[in-house]
Protein backbone atom coordinates (compact mmCIF):
# COMPACT_ATOMS: atom_id res chain seq x y z
CA MET A 1 52.98 28.55 330.72
CA GLY A 2 55.30 31.85 329.24
CA ALA A 3 58.30 32.15 332.17
CA LEU A 4 61.50 31.04 331.28
CA LYS A 5 62.98 28.31 332.52
CA PRO A 6 66.46 27.01 332.59
CA TRP A 7 65.88 24.26 330.52
CA HIS A 8 65.08 26.65 327.78
CA ILE A 9 68.54 28.74 327.90
CA ALA A 10 70.41 25.64 327.88
CA ILE A 11 68.35 24.76 325.07
CA LEU A 12 68.96 28.21 322.88
CA VAL A 13 73.31 28.22 323.87
CA VAL A 14 73.17 24.91 322.51
CA VAL A 15 71.73 26.01 319.26
CA LEU A 16 73.54 29.27 318.90
CA VAL A 17 76.92 26.92 319.46
CA LEU A 18 75.82 24.66 316.87
CA LEU A 19 74.96 27.23 314.77
CA PHE A 20 78.15 29.55 315.08
CA GLY A 21 80.29 27.47 316.62
CA ALA A 22 82.22 27.91 320.19
CA LYS A 23 84.96 29.66 318.70
CA ARG A 24 82.58 32.77 316.93
CA LEU A 25 80.48 32.92 319.94
CA PRO A 26 82.83 35.09 322.04
CA ASP A 27 83.67 37.08 319.12
CA ALA A 28 80.09 37.97 318.11
CA ALA A 29 79.43 39.00 322.14
CA ARG A 30 82.74 40.98 321.93
CA SER A 31 81.92 42.86 318.72
CA LEU A 32 78.23 43.45 320.36
CA GLY A 33 79.27 44.75 322.81
CA ARG A 34 81.91 47.43 321.35
CA SER A 35 78.90 48.37 319.11
CA LEU A 36 75.88 48.97 321.37
CA ARG A 37 79.38 51.05 323.60
CA ILE A 38 79.90 53.06 320.03
CA ILE A 39 75.97 53.49 319.95
CA LYS A 40 75.20 54.76 323.36
CA ALA A 41 78.41 57.29 322.83
CA GLU A 42 77.17 58.77 319.70
CA THR A 43 73.47 58.73 321.42
CA LYS A 44 74.71 60.41 324.56
CA HIS A 45 76.90 63.12 322.20
CA LEU A 46 73.40 64.46 320.24
CA THR A 47 71.92 64.78 323.90
CA ASP A 48 74.57 66.72 324.29
CA ASP A 49 74.59 69.13 321.14
CA ASP A 50 70.38 69.23 320.91
CA ASP A 51 70.49 70.80 325.16
CA ARG A 52 74.05 73.01 323.64
CA ASP A 53 71.82 74.15 320.59
CA LEU A 54 68.59 74.70 322.60
CA ALA A 55 70.38 76.42 325.09
CA GLU A 56 72.37 78.83 322.35
CA LYS A 57 69.72 80.02 320.33
CA ALA A 58 67.88 80.61 323.54
CA ASP A 59 70.46 82.50 324.42
CA ALA A 60 70.65 84.34 320.42
CA GLN A 61 66.52 85.40 321.45
CA HIS A 62 67.40 87.65 323.69
CA ALA A 63 70.42 89.07 321.50
CA ARG A 64 67.69 89.85 318.30
CA GLN A 65 67.74 93.81 317.64
CA PRO A 66 64.74 95.21 316.43
CA LEU A 67 64.15 95.84 312.67
CA PRO A 68 64.57 99.33 311.68
CA PRO A 69 62.19 101.77 310.78
CA PRO A 70 61.31 102.18 307.21
CA ALA A 71 62.27 104.60 304.83
CA THR A 72 61.00 108.20 304.75
CA GLU A 73 60.19 107.94 301.00
CA GLN A 74 57.92 105.19 300.65
CA ARG A 75 57.23 103.64 296.76
CA GLN A 76 54.20 104.03 295.27
CA PRO A 77 52.62 101.03 294.08
CA ALA A 78 52.68 99.97 290.17
CA PRO A 79 49.54 100.82 288.61
CA ILE A 80 47.16 97.85 288.07
CA GLN A 81 47.10 97.02 284.05
CA ASP A 82 44.56 95.48 282.90
CA PRO A 83 45.81 92.25 280.55
CA VAL A 84 44.32 93.21 277.55
CA GLN A 85 45.13 97.04 277.33
CA ARG A 86 48.84 96.48 278.01
CA THR A 87 48.70 93.20 275.18
CA ARG A 88 46.90 96.12 272.90
CA ASP A 89 49.74 98.63 273.63
CA ILE A 90 52.62 95.71 272.91
CA SER A 91 51.35 95.54 269.61
């Protein structure tokens, strides 16, 4: 029941010809083919870029240098003040 039979395809072709006209169908098929080729090329380009990016990131991780040791002088943290006391000092 759900199979596509040859007469289904014939009816579909007749409906398409009636809707779009015999002249516009080949042009539409050509433009659809061009669009699909462009999409295929762009997706291939994106996957190639992703592969290159992953390889560059892997190389960059091996080239990283460790952080230098901290300076010998260590800063003292600022003393914690009570906000109420600070407002009294300002007044």
